[in-house]
Amino acid sequence: MDLVRLFERSPAILEVGVGDTVFSQGDRGKAMYVILEGTVEIRIGDKSLETVDAGGFFGEMALIDSDRRSATVVAQTNCRLAVVNEERFLSGVQQTPTFALQVMRILVRRLRQMDRRI
């Protein structure tokens, strides 16, 4: 599934520059982000967990539970991000069921990666 194509016309676009923090560990979250252009790094403390490029997403846990952000995300390049709030997320799931499956697959992959690190 091409998430860039699915979200490129999103009404909420966030542009961030190299080195900008998109959100910090411990922040309250109300949206996930789809990377339309650029690359971000997901960190916990000073440890890099993952680099995500255009077509990927991050921050999805904020739409699933109401807990605080579990990591910090920093732009590695200039980025254009589609901001996906709960309403847009639910709409995406209803209109494109494979979107929900893709989100679940990424969540599972990230969980398995963390399990291997422990």
PDB file of N, CA and C in Angstrom:
ATOM      1  N   MET A   1       0.849  -1.185   0.000  1.00  0.00           N
ATOM      2  CA  MET A   1       0.000   0.000   0.000  1.00  0.00           C
ATOM      3  C   MET A   1       0.889   1.240   0.000  1.00  0.00           C
ATOM      4  N   ASP A   2       0.549   2.182  -0.816  1.00  0.00           N
ATOM      5  CA  ASP A   2       1.311   3.423  -0.945  1.00  0.00           C
ATOM      6  C   ASP A   2       0.710   4.484  -0.024  1.00  0.00           C
ATOM      7  N   LEU A   3       1.297   4.632   1.170  1.00  0.00           N
ATOM      8  CA  LEU A   3       0.767   5.595   2.141  1.00  0.00           C
ATOM      9  C   LEU A   3       0.965   7.032   1.692  1.00  0.00           C
ATOM     10  N   VAL A   4       2.013   7.302   0.915  1.00  0.00           N
ATOM     11  CA  VAL A   4       2.209   8.670   0.415  1.00  0.00           C
ATOM     12  C   VAL A   4       1.021   9.055  -0.455  1.00  0.00           C
ATOM     13  N   ARG A   5       0.646   8.185  -1.356  1.00  0.00           N
ATOM     14  CA  ARG A   5      -0.490   8.475  -2.230  1.00  0.00           C
ATOM     15  C   ARG A   5      -1.790   8.599  -1.426  1.00  0.00           C
ATOM     16  N   LEU A   6      -1.956   7.747  -0.421  1.00  0.00           N
ATOM     17  CA  LEU A   6      -3.174   7.769   0.391  1.00  0.00           C
ATOM     18  C   LEU A   6      -3.313   9.071   1.188  1.00  0.00           C
ATOM     19  N   PHE A   7      -2.192   9.625   1.655  1.00  0.00           N
ATOM     20  CA  PHE A   7      -2.249  10.793   2.546  1.00  0.00           C
ATOM     21  C   PHE A   7      -1.679  12.081   1.958  1.00  0.00           C
ATOM     22  N   GLU A   8      -1.245  12.074   0.706  1.00  0.00           N
ATOM     23  CA  GLU A   8      -0.602  13.263   0.142  1.00  0.00           C
ATOM     24  C   GLU A   8      -1.515  14.479   0.077  1.00  0.00           C
ATOM     25  N   ARG A   9      -2.798  14.278   0.064  1.00  0.00           N
ATOM     26  CA  ARG A   9      -3.750  15.403   0.022  1.00  0.00           C
ATOM     27  C   ARG A   9      -4.360  15.682   1.396  1.00  0.00           C
ATOM     28  N   SER A  10      -3.689  15.206   2.408  1.00  0.00           N
ATOM     29  CA  SER A  10      -4.169  15.410   3.774  1.00  0.00           C
ATOM     30  C   SER A  10      -4.308  16.901   4.067  1.00  0.00           C
ATOM     31  N   PRO A  11      -5.376  17.291   4.770  1.00  0.00           N
ATOM     32  CA  PRO A  11      -5.543  18.709   5.093  1.00  0.00           C
ATOM     33  C   PRO A  11      -4.550  19.222   6.129  1.00  0.00           C
ATOM     34  N   ALA A  12      -3.916  18.312   6.852  1.00  0.00           N
ATOM     35  CA  ALA A  12      -2.965  18.728   7.890  1.00  0.00           C
ATOM     36  C   ALA A  12      -1.574  18.221   7.530  1.00  0.00           C
ATOM     37  N   ILE A  13      -0.713  19.144   7.100  1.00  0.00           N
ATOM     38  CA  ILE A  13       0.666  18.811   6.746  1.00  0.00           C
ATOM     39  C   ILE A  13       1.595  19.574   7.685  1.00  0.00           C
ATOM     40  N   LEU A  14       2.584  18.866   8.211  1.00  0.00           N
ATOM     41  CA  LEU A  14       3.595  19.477   9.070  1.00  0.00           C
ATOM     42  C   LEU A  14       4.929  19.408   8.341  1.00  0.00           C
ATOM     43  N   GLU A  15       5.591  20.553   8.229  1.00  0.00           N
ATOM     44  CA  GLU A  15       6.925  20.582   7.632  1.00  0.00           C
ATOM     45  C   GLU A  15       7.935  20.836   8.743  1.00  0.00           C
ATOM     46  N   VAL A  16       8.960  19.988   8.787  1.00  0.00           N
ATOM     47  CA  VAL A  16      10.003  20.115   9.805  1.00  0.00           C
ATOM     48  C   VAL A  16      11.365  20.089   9.123  1.00  0.00           C
ATOM     49  N   GLY A  17      12.320  20.766   9.745  1.00  0.00           N
ATOM     50  CA  GLY A  17      13.665  20.840   9.197  1.00  0.00           C
ATOM     51  C   GLY A  17      14.597  19.837   9.835  1.00  0.00           C
ATOM     52  N   VAL A  18      15.755  19.690   9.234  1.00  0.00           N
ATOM     53  CA  VAL A  18      16.791  18.790   9.747  1.00  0.00           C
ATOM     54  C   VAL A  18      17.048  19.093  11.222  1.00  0.00           C
ATOM     55  N   GLY A  19      17.015  18.061  12.051  1.00  0.00           N
ATOM     56  CA  GLY A  19      17.307  18.214  13.471  1.00  0.00           C
ATOM     57  C   GLY A  19      16.127  18.625  14.327  1.00  0.00           C
ATOM     58  N   ASP A  20      15.003  18.976  13.702  1.00  0.00           N
ATOM     59  CA  ASP A  20      13.811  19.355  14.486  1.00  0.00           C
ATOM     60  C   ASP A  20      13.206  18.128  15.156  1.00  0.00           C
ATOM     61  N   THR A  21      12.730  18.323  16.377  1.00  0.00           N
ATOM     62  CA  THR A  21      12.036  17.265  17.101  1.00  0.00           C
ATOM     63  C   THR A  21      10.558  17.328  16.746  1.00  0.00           C
ATOM     64  N   VAL A  22      10.023  16.220  16.252  1.00  0.00           N
ATOM     65  CA  VAL A  22       8.596  16.149  15.911  1.00  0.00           C
ATOM     66  C   VAL A  22       7.792  16.016  17.191  1.00  0.00           C
ATOM     67  N   PHE A  23       8.203  15.102  18.062  1.00  0.00           N
ATOM     68  CA  PHE A  23       7.653  14.993  19.408  1.00  0.00           C
ATOM     69  C   PHE A  23       8.680  14.309  20.300  1.00  0.00           C
ATOM     70  N   SER A  24       8.496  14.485  21.602  1.00  0.00           N
ATOM     71  CA  SER A  24       9.447  13.950  22.576  1.00  0.00           C
ATOM     72  C   SER A  24       8.813  12.863  23.426  1.00  0.00           C
ATOM     73  N   GLN A  25       9.647  11.955  23.876  1.00  0.00           N
ATOM     74  CA  GLN A  25       9.213  10.915  24.793  1.00  0.00           C
ATOM     75  C   GLN A  25       8.536  11.584  25.981  1.00  0.00           C
ATOM     76  N   GLY A  26       7.368  11.080  26.358  1.00  0.00           N
ATOM     77  CA  GLY A  26       6.623  11.643  27.480  1.00  0.00           C
ATOM     78  C   GLY A  26       5.555  12.641  27.074  1.00  0.00           C
ATOM     79  N   ASP A  27       5.619  13.162  25.843  1.00  0.00           N
ATOM     80  CA  ASP A  27       4.575  14.077  25.363  1.00  0.00           C
ATOM     81  C   ASP A  27       3.240  13.347  25.257  1.00  0.00           C
ATOM     82  N   ARG A  28       2.169  14.113  25.350  1.00  0.00           N
ATOM     83  CA  ARG A  28       0.839  13.577  25.046  1.00  0.00           C
ATOM     84  C   ARG A  28       0.703  13.530  23.533  1.00  0.00           C
ATOM     85  N   GLY A  29       0.075  12.496  23.028  1.00  0.00           N
ATOM     86  CA  GLY A  29      -0.075  12.371  21.589  1.00  0.00           C
ATOM     87  C   GLY A  29      -1.517  12.241  21.167  1.00  0.00           C
ATOM     88  N   LYS A  30      -1.864  12.902  20.085  1.00  0.00           N
ATOM     89  CA  LYS A  30      -3.218  12.826  19.546  1.00  0.00           C
ATOM     90  C   LYS A  30      -3.213  12.511  18.058  1.00  0.00           C
ATOM     91  N   ALA A  31      -2.032  12.194  17.505  1.00  0.00           N
ATOM     92  CA  ALA A  31      -1.931  11.941  16.071  1.00  0.00           C
ATOM     93  C   ALA A  31      -0.749  11.030  15.777  1.00  0.00           C
ATOM     94  N   MET A  32      -0.835  10.390  14.623  1.00  0.00           N
ATOM     95  CA  MET A  32       0.317   9.695  14.052  1.00  0.00           C
ATOM     96  C   MET A  32       0.747  10.494  12.831  1.00  0.00           C
ATOM     97  N   TYR A  33       1.877  10.148  12.261  1.00  0.00           N
ATOM     98  CA  TYR A  33       2.426  10.893  11.144  1.00  0.00           C
ATOM     99  C   TYR A  33       2.825   9.936  10.025  1.00  0.00           C
ATOM    100  N   VAL A  34       2.466  10.290   8.805  1.00  0.00           N
ATOM    101  CA  VAL A  34       2.904   9.563   7.619  1.00  0.00           C
ATOM    102  C   VAL A  34       3.951  10.440   6.945  1.00  0.00           C
ATOM    103  N   ILE A  35       5.095   9.860   6.648  1.00  0.00           N
ATOM    104  CA  ILE A  35       6.183  10.626   6.037  1.00  0.00           C
ATOM    105  C   ILE A  35       5.950  10.709   4.529  1.00  0.00           C
ATOM    106  N   LEU A  36       5.646  11.913   4.065  1.00  0.00           N
ATOM    107  CA  LEU A  36       5.447  12.144   2.638  1.00  0.00           C
ATOM    108  C   LEU A  36       6.783  12.372   1.938  1.00  0.00           C
ATOM    109  N   GLU A  37       7.688  13.055   2.628  1.00  0.00           N
ATOM    110  CA  GLU A  37       9.048  13.308   2.123  1.00  0.00           C
ATOM    111  C   GLU A  37       9.983  13.352   3.314  1.00  0.00           C
ATOM    112  N   GLY A  38      11.156  12.760   3.164  1.00  0.00           N
ATOM    113  CA  GLY A  38      12.173  12.867   4.201  1.00  0.00           C
ATOM    114  C   GLY A  38      12.400  11.601   4.996  1.00  0.00           C
ATOM    115  N   THR A  39      13.173  11.763   6.069  1.00  0.00           N
ATOM    116  CA  THR A  39      13.578  10.652   6.932  1.00  0.00           C
ATOM    117  C   THR A  39      13.585  11.133   8.382  1.00  0.00           C
ATOM    118  N   VAL A  40      13.078  10.302   9.283  1.00  0.00           N
ATOM    119  CA  VAL A  40      13.122  10.606  10.712  1.00  0.00           C
ATOM    120  C   VAL A  40      13.824   9.474  11.454  1.00  0.00           C
ATOM    121  N   GLU A  41      14.294   9.803  12.651  1.00  0.00           N
ATOM    122  CA  GLU A  41      14.895   8.808  13.534  1.00  0.00           C
ATOM    123  C   GLU A  41      14.040   8.714  14.787  1.00  0.00           C
ATOM    124  N   ILE A  42      13.737   7.478  15.188  1.00  0.00           N
ATOM    125  CA  ILE A  42      12.996   7.221  16.425  1.00  0.00           C
ATOM    126  C   ILE A  42      14.011   6.849  17.485  1.00  0.00           C
ATOM    127  N   ARG A  43      13.956   7.542  18.633  1.00  0.00           N
ATOM    128  CA  ARG A  43      14.950   7.361  19.703  1.00  0.00           C
ATOM    129  C   ARG A  43      14.270   7.181  21.062  1.00  0.00           C
ATOM    130  N   ILE A  44      14.948   6.441  21.899  1.00  0.00           N
ATOM    131  CA  ILE A  44      14.621   6.437  23.328  1.00  0.00           C
ATOM    132  C   ILE A  44      15.908   6.853  24.017  1.00  0.00           C
ATOM    133  N   GLY A  45      15.840   7.993  24.698  1.00  0.00           N
ATOM    134  CA  GLY A  45      17.054   8.570  25.265  1.00  0.00           C
ATOM    135  C   GLY A  45      18.012   8.901  24.139  1.00  0.00           C
ATOM    136  N   ASP A  46      19.252   8.440  24.256  1.00  0.00           N
ATOM    137  CA  ASP A  46      20.216   8.695  23.184  1.00  0.00           C
ATOM    138  C   ASP A  46      20.408   7.481  22.283  1.00  0.00           C
ATOM    139  N   LYS A  47      19.531   6.484  22.425  1.00  0.00           N
ATOM    140  CA  LYS A  47      19.628   5.250  21.636  1.00  0.00           C
ATOM    141  C   LYS A  47      18.667   5.294  20.448  1.00  0.00           C
ATOM    142  N   SER A  48      19.233   5.111  19.257  1.00  0.00           N
ATOM    143  CA  SER A  48      18.432   5.074  18.039  1.00  0.00           C
ATOM    144  C   SER A  48      17.750   3.716  17.918  1.00  0.00           C
ATOM    145  N   LEU A  49      16.427   3.741  17.719  1.00  0.00           N
ATOM    146  CA  LEU A  49      15.676   2.501  17.565  1.00  0.00           C
ATOM    147  C   LEU A  49      15.435   2.158  16.104  1.00  0.00           C
ATOM    148  N   GLU A  50      15.148   3.206  15.321  1.00  0.00           N
ATOM    149  CA  GLU A  50      14.763   2.955  13.933  1.00  0.00           C
ATOM    150  C   GLU A  50      14.844   4.256  13.142  1.00  0.00           C
ATOM    151  N   THR A  51      15.128   4.110  11.858  1.00  0.00           N
ATOM    152  CA  THR A  51      15.053   5.222  10.917  1.00  0.00           C
ATOM    153  C   THR A  51      13.886   4.917   9.984  1.00  0.00           C
ATOM    154  N   VAL A  52      13.030   5.909   9.755  1.00  0.00           N
ATOM    155  CA  VAL A  52      11.841   5.710   8.924  1.00  0.00           C
ATOM    156  C   VAL A  52      11.886   6.715   7.776  1.00  0.00           C
ATOM    157  N   ASP A  53      11.667   6.215   6.571  1.00  0.00           N
ATOM    158  CA  ASP A  53      11.736   7.027   5.360  1.00  0.00           C
ATOM    159  C   ASP A  53      10.338   7.319   4.815  1.00  0.00           C
ATOM    160  N   ALA A  54      10.319   8.100   3.725  1.00  0.00           N
ATOM    161  CA  ALA A  54       9.062   8.435   3.047  1.00  0.00           C
ATOM    162  C   ALA A  54       8.267   7.162   2.754  1.00  0.00           C
ATOM    163  N   GLY A  55       6.974   7.239   3.015  1.00  0.00           N
ATOM    164  CA  GLY A  55       6.102   6.086   2.851  1.00  0.00           C
ATOM    165  C   GLY A  55       5.871   5.348   4.147  1.00  0.00           C
ATOM    166  N   GLY A  56       6.686   5.639   5.162  1.00  0.00           N
ATOM    167  CA  GLY A  56       6.524   5.023   6.470  1.00  0.00           C
ATOM    168  C   GLY A  56       5.719   5.917   7.388  1.00  0.00           C
ATOM    169  N   PHE A  57       5.536   5.470   8.596  1.00  0.00           N
ATOM    170  CA  PHE A  57       4.771   6.239   9.578  1.00  0.00           C
ATOM    171  C   PHE A  57       5.329   6.005  10.967  1.00  0.00           C
ATOM    172  N   PHE A  58       4.912   6.861  11.894  1.00  0.00           N
ATOM    173  CA  PHE A  58       5.309   6.739  13.290  1.00  0.00           C
ATOM    174  C   PHE A  58       4.272   7.454  14.155  1.00  0.00           C
ATOM    175  N   GLY A  59       4.300   7.167  15.449  1.00  0.00           N
ATOM    176  CA  GLY A  59       3.374   7.812  16.381  1.00  0.00           C
ATOM    177  C   GLY A  59       2.019   7.154  16.449  1.00  0.00           C
ATOM    178  N   GLU A  60       1.876   5.989  15.829  1.00  0.00           N
ATOM    179  CA  GLU A  60       0.577   5.316  15.755  1.00  0.00           C
ATOM    180  C   GLU A  60       0.036   4.874  17.110  1.00  0.00           C
ATOM    181  N   MET A  61       0.921   4.643  18.081  1.00  0.00           N
ATOM    182  CA  MET A  61       0.451   4.193  19.393  1.00  0.00           C
ATOM    183  C   MET A  61      -0.459   5.222  20.050  1.00  0.00           C
ATOM    184  N   ALA A  62      -0.277   6.490  19.718  1.00  0.00           N
ATOM    185  CA  ALA A  62      -1.111   7.560  20.284  1.00  0.00           C
ATOM    186  C   ALA A  62      -2.572   7.412  19.879  1.00  0.00           C
ATOM    187  N   LEU A  63      -2.823   6.743  18.770  1.00  0.00           N
ATOM    188  CA  LEU A  63      -4.193   6.565  18.315  1.00  0.00           C
ATOM    189  C   LEU A  63      -4.819   5.284  18.854  1.00  0.00           C
ATOM    190  N   ILE A  64      -4.007   4.464  19.487  1.00  0.00           N
ATOM    191  CA  ILE A  64      -4.492   3.187  19.992  1.00  0.00           C
ATOM    192  C   ILE A  64      -4.725   3.227  21.493  1.00  0.00           C
ATOM    193  N   ASP A  65      -3.883   3.950  22.214  1.00  0.00           N
ATOM    194  CA  ASP A  65      -4.103   4.119  23.650  1.00  0.00           C
ATOM    195  C   ASP A  65      -3.888   5.582  24.016  1.00  0.00           C
ATOM    196  N   SER A  66      -4.133   5.908  25.226  1.00  0.00           N
ATOM    197  CA  SER A  66      -4.017   7.312  25.643  1.00  0.00           C
ATOM    198  C   SER A  66      -2.749   7.568  26.456  1.00  0.00           C
ATOM    199  N   ASP A  67      -1.814   6.653  26.389  1.00  0.00           N
ATOM    200  CA  ASP A  67      -0.571   6.811  27.140  1.00  0.00           C
ATOM    201  C   ASP A  67       0.323   7.857  26.468  1.00  0.00           C
ATOM    202  N   ARG A  68       1.335   8.283  27.178  1.00  0.00           N
ATOM    203  CA  ARG A  68       2.274   9.279  26.646  1.00  0.00           C
ATOM    204  C   ARG A  68       3.182   8.652  25.600  1.00  0.00           C
ATOM    205  N   ARG A  69       3.820   9.503  24.814  1.00  0.00           N
ATOM    206  CA  ARG A  69       4.731   9.040  23.764  1.00  0.00           C
ATOM    207  C   ARG A  69       5.846   8.206  24.385  1.00  0.00           C
ATOM    208  N   SER A  70       6.159   7.094  23.739  1.00  0.00           N
ATOM    209  CA  SER A  70       7.177   6.181  24.272  1.00  0.00           C
ATOM    210  C   SER A  70       8.571   6.480  23.728  1.00  0.00           C
ATOM    211  N   ALA A  71       8.667   7.377  22.750  1.00  0.00           N
ATOM    212  CA  ALA A  71       9.959   7.678  22.133  1.00  0.00           C
ATOM    213  C   ALA A  71       9.969   9.123  21.643  1.00  0.00           C
ATOM    214  N   THR A  72      11.141   9.559  21.249  1.00  0.00           N
ATOM    215  CA  THR A  72      11.339  10.869  20.638  1.00  0.00           C
ATOM    216  C   THR A  72      11.586  10.645  19.156  1.00  0.00           C
ATOM    217  N   VAL A  73      11.048  11.546  18.332  1.00  0.00           N
ATOM    218  CA  VAL A  73      11.256  11.452  16.882  1.00  0.00           C
ATOM    219  C   VAL A  73      11.901  12.744  16.406  1.00  0.00           C
ATOM    220  N   VAL A  74      13.028  12.602  15.692  1.00  0.00           N
ATOM    221  CA  VAL A  74      13.801  13.743  15.209  1.00  0.00           C
ATOM    222  C   VAL A  74      13.973  13.622  13.693  1.00  0.00           C
ATOM    223  N   ALA A  75      13.763  14.724  12.991  1.00  0.00           N
ATOM    224  CA  ALA A  75      13.937  14.745  11.533  1.00  0.00           C
ATOM    225  C   ALA A  75      15.421  14.631  11.186  1.00  0.00           C
ATOM    226  N   GLN A  76      15.751  13.698  10.318  1.00  0.00           N
ATOM    227  CA  GLN A  76      17.124  13.531   9.839  1.00  0.00           C
ATOM    228  C   GLN A  76      17.361  14.341   8.561  1.00  0.00           C
ATOM    229  N   THR A  77      16.263  14.682   7.877  1.00  0.00           N
ATOM    230  CA  THR A  77      16.282  15.520   6.678  1.00  0.00           C
ATOM    231  C   THR A  77      15.090  16.466   6.795  1.00  0.00           C
ATOM    232  N   ASN A  78      14.967  17.402   5.877  1.00  0.00           N
ATOM    233  CA  ASN A  78      13.735  18.176   5.809  1.00  0.00           C
ATOM    234  C   ASN A  78      12.603  17.210   5.499  1.00  0.00           C
ATOM    235  N   CYS A  79      11.491  17.367   6.190  1.00  0.00           N
ATOM    236  CA  CYS A  79      10.385  16.415   6.057  1.00  0.00           C
ATOM    237  C   CYS A  79       9.051  17.108   5.838  1.00  0.00           C
ATOM    238  N   ARG A  80       8.200  16.448   5.074  1.00  0.00           N
ATOM    239  CA  ARG A  80       6.784  16.793   4.965  1.00  0.00           C
ATOM    240  C   ARG A  80       6.024  15.618   5.551  1.00  0.00           C
ATOM    241  N   LEU A  81       5.231  15.891   6.577  1.00  0.00           N
ATOM    242  CA  LEU A  81       4.514  14.846   7.304  1.00  0.00           C
ATOM    243  C   LEU A  81       3.021  15.092   7.236  1.00  0.00           C
ATOM    244  N   ALA A  82       2.262  14.056   6.932  1.00  0.00           N
ATOM    245  CA  ALA A  82       0.808  14.133   7.025  1.00  0.00           C
ATOM    246  C   ALA A  82       0.437  13.827   8.467  1.00  0.00           C
ATOM    247  N   VAL A  83      -0.289  14.740   9.084  1.00  0.00           N
ATOM    248  CA  VAL A  83      -0.732  14.563  10.464  1.00  0.00           C
ATOM    249  C   VAL A  83      -2.063  13.813  10.420  1.00  0.00           C
ATOM    250  N   VAL A  84      -2.097  12.635  11.031  1.00  0.00           N
ATOM    251  CA  VAL A  84      -3.277  11.780  10.978  1.00  0.00           C
ATOM    252  C   VAL A  84      -3.880  11.703  12.381  1.00  0.00           C
ATOM    253  N   ASN A  85      -4.966  12.450  12.592  1.00  0.00           N
ATOM    254  CA  ASN A  85      -5.641  12.402  13.895  1.00  0.00           C
ATOM    255  C   ASN A  85      -6.559  11.180  13.943  1.00  0.00           C
ATOM    256  N   GLU A  86      -7.224  10.990  15.055  1.00  0.00           N
ATOM    257  CA  GLU A  86      -8.052   9.800  15.232  1.00  0.00           C
ATOM    258  C   GLU A  86      -9.164   9.709  14.190  1.00  0.00           C
ATOM    259  N   GLU A  87      -9.793  10.821  13.896  1.00  0.00           N
ATOM    260  CA  GLU A  87     -10.876  10.821  12.902  1.00  0.00           C
ATOM    261  C   GLU A  87     -10.360  10.377  11.530  1.00  0.00           C
ATOM    262  N   ARG A  88      -9.240  10.927  11.115  1.00  0.00           N
ATOM    263  CA  ARG A  88      -8.657  10.572   9.812  1.00  0.00           C
ATOM    264  C   ARG A  88      -8.168   9.132   9.814  1.00  0.00           C
ATOM    265  N   PHE A  89      -7.631   8.677  10.932  1.00  0.00           N
ATOM    266  CA  PHE A  89      -7.175   7.293  11.062  1.00  0.00           C
ATOM    267  C   PHE A  89      -8.348   6.331  10.886  1.00  0.00           C
ATOM    268  N   LEU A  90      -9.439   6.580  11.610  1.00  0.00           N
ATOM    269  CA  LEU A  90     -10.609   5.707  11.513  1.00  0.00           C
ATOM    270  C   LEU A  90     -11.198   5.720  10.102  1.00  0.00           C
ATOM    271  N   SER A  91     -11.197   6.878   9.485  1.00  0.00           N
ATOM    272  CA  SER A  91     -11.664   6.981   8.110  1.00  0.00           C
ATOM    273  C   SER A  91     -10.782   6.153   7.179  1.00  0.00           C
ATOM    274  N   GLY A  92      -9.482   6.249   7.370  1.00  0.00           N
ATOM    275  CA  GLY A  92      -8.548   5.469   6.561  1.00  0.00           C
ATOM    276  C   GLY A  92      -8.741   3.978   6.732  1.00  0.00           C
ATOM    277  N   VAL A  93      -8.990   3.545   7.960  1.00  0.00           N
ATOM    278  CA  VAL A  93      -9.223   2.131   8.244  1.00  0.00           C
ATOM    279  C   VAL A  93     -10.513   1.663   7.566  1.00  0.00           C
ATOM    280  N   GLN A  94     -11.564   2.464   7.625  1.00  0.00           N
ATOM    281  CA  GLN A  94     -12.842   2.092   7.028  1.00  0.00           C
ATOM    282  C   GLN A  94     -12.778   2.088   5.501  1.00  0.00           C
ATOM    283  N   GLN A  95     -12.130   3.084   4.934  1.00  0.00           N
ATOM    284  CA  GLN A  95     -12.084   3.199   3.472  1.00  0.00           C
ATOM    285  C   GLN A  95     -11.046   2.282   2.838  1.00  0.00           C
ATOM    286  N   THR A  96      -9.987   1.990   3.574  1.00  0.00           N
ATOM    287  CA  THR A  96      -8.892   1.183   3.051  1.00  0.00           C
ATOM    288  C   THR A  96      -8.464   0.182   4.130  1.00  0.00           C
ATOM    289  N   PRO A  97      -9.176  -0.945   4.239  1.00  0.00           N
ATOM    290  CA  PRO A  97      -8.864  -1.913   5.304  1.00  0.00           C
ATOM    291  C   PRO A  97      -7.416  -2.389   5.310  1.00  0.00           C
ATOM    292  N   THR A  98      -6.750  -2.396   4.166  1.00  0.00           N
ATOM    293  CA  THR A  98      -5.350  -2.819   4.154  1.00  0.00           C
ATOM    294  C   THR A  98      -4.459  -1.827   4.905  1.00  0.00           C
ATOM    295  N   PHE A  99      -4.927  -0.586   5.068  1.00  0.00           N
ATOM    296  CA  PHE A  99      -4.196   0.399   5.880  1.00  0.00           C
ATOM    297  C   PHE A  99      -4.085  -0.103   7.319  1.00  0.00           C
ATOM    298  N   ALA A 100      -5.198  -0.585   7.881  1.00  0.00           N
ATOM    299  CA  ALA A 100      -5.178  -1.111   9.254  1.00  0.00           C
ATOM    300  C   ALA A 100      -4.220  -2.292   9.363  1.00  0.00           C
ATOM    301  N   LEU A 101      -4.239  -3.165   8.377  1.00  0.00           N
ATOM    302  CA  LEU A 101      -3.341  -4.313   8.384  1.00  0.00           C
ATOM    303  C   LEU A 101      -1.887  -3.867   8.329  1.00  0.00           C
ATOM    304  N   GLN A 102      -1.603  -2.860   7.526  1.00  0.00           N
ATOM    305  CA  GLN A 102      -0.233  -2.346   7.437  1.00  0.00           C
ATOM    306  C   GLN A 102       0.225  -1.767   8.777  1.00  0.00           C
ATOM    307  N   VAL A 103      -0.642  -1.010   9.450  1.00  0.00           N
ATOM    308  CA  VAL A 103      -0.312  -0.457  10.761  1.00  0.00           C
ATOM    309  C   VAL A 103      -0.030  -1.595  11.748  1.00  0.00           C
ATOM    310  N   MET A 104      -0.877  -2.618  11.749  1.00  0.00           N
ATOM    311  CA  MET A 104      -0.664  -3.748  12.656  1.00  0.00           C
ATOM    312  C   MET A 104       0.645  -4.468  12.357  1.00  0.00           C
ATOM    313  N   ARG A 105       0.962  -4.643  11.086  1.00  0.00           N
ATOM    314  CA  ARG A 105       2.214  -5.326  10.726  1.00  0.00           C
ATOM    315  C   ARG A 105       3.429  -4.550  11.219  1.00  0.00           C
ATOM    316  N   ILE A 106       3.398  -3.237  11.059  1.00  0.00           N
ATOM    317  CA  ILE A 106       4.528  -2.421  11.527  1.00  0.00           C
ATOM    318  C   ILE A 106       4.625  -2.474  13.046  1.00  0.00           C
ATOM    319  N   LEU A 107       3.489  -2.399  13.735  1.00  0.00           N
ATOM    320  CA  LEU A 107       3.507  -2.499  15.200  1.00  0.00           C
ATOM    321  C   LEU A 107       4.127  -3.818  15.651  1.00  0.00           C
ATOM    322  N   VAL A 108       3.733  -4.909  15.014  1.00  0.00           N
ATOM    323  CA  VAL A 108       4.266  -6.222  15.372  1.00  0.00           C
ATOM    324  C   VAL A 108       5.758  -6.289  15.068  1.00  0.00           C
ATOM    325  N   ARG A 109       6.171  -5.766  13.902  1.00  0.00           N
ATOM    326  CA  ARG A 109       7.598  -5.778  13.557  1.00  0.00           C
ATOM    327  C   ARG A 109       8.408  -5.009  14.593  1.00  0.00           C
ATOM    328  N   ARG A 110       7.898  -3.832  14.995  1.00  0.00           N
ATOM    329  CA  ARG A 110       8.620  -3.026  15.984  1.00  0.00           C
ATOM    330  C   ARG A 110       8.656  -3.731  17.340  1.00  0.00           C
ATOM    331  N   LEU A 111       7.585  -4.388  17.717  1.00  0.00           N
ATOM    332  CA  LEU A 111       7.553  -5.137  18.976  1.00  0.00           C
ATOM    333  C   LEU A 111       8.552  -6.294  18.937  1.00  0.00           C
ATOM    334  N   ARG A 112       8.596  -7.010  17.843  1.00  0.00           N
ATOM    335  CA  ARG A 112       9.555  -8.119  17.723  1.00  0.00           C
ATOM    336  C   ARG A 112      11.001  -7.620  17.775  1.00  0.00           C
ATOM    337  N   GLN A 113      11.270  -6.473  17.156  1.00  0.00           N
ATOM    338  CA  GLN A 113      12.614  -5.890  17.219  1.00  0.00           C
ATOM    339  C   GLN A 113      12.987  -5.572  18.657  1.00  0.00           C
ATOM    340  N   MET A 114      12.049  -4.999  19.400  1.00  0.00           N
ATOM    341  CA  MET A 114      12.329  -4.673  20.807  1.00  0.00           C
ATOM    342  C   MET A 114      12.540  -5.947  21.624  1.00  0.00           C
ATOM    343  N   ASP A 115      11.746  -6.983  21.361  1.00  0.00           N
ATOM    344  CA  ASP A 115      11.915  -8.258  22.059  1.00  0.00           C
ATOM    345  C   ASP A 115      13.309  -8.819  21.836  1.00  0.00           C
ATOM    346  N   ARG A 116      13.822  -8.719  20.619  1.00  0.00           N
ATOM    347  CA  ARG A 116      15.158  -9.242  20.314  1.00  0.00           C
ATOM    348  C   ARG A 116      16.253  -8.469  21.046  1.00  0.00           C
ATOM    349  N   ARG A 117      15.980  -7.195  21.327  1.00  0.00           N
ATOM    350  CA  ARG A 117      16.983  -6.367  22.025  1.00  0.00           C
ATOM    351  C   ARG A 117      17.045  -6.677  23.518  1.00  0.00           C
ATOM    352  N   ILE A 118      15.976  -7.234  24.028  1.00  0.00           N
ATOM    353  CA  ILE A 118      15.912  -7.494  25.484  1.00  0.00           C
ATOM    354  C   ILE A 118      16.658  -8.725  25.863  1.00  0.00           C
TER     355      ILE A 118
END
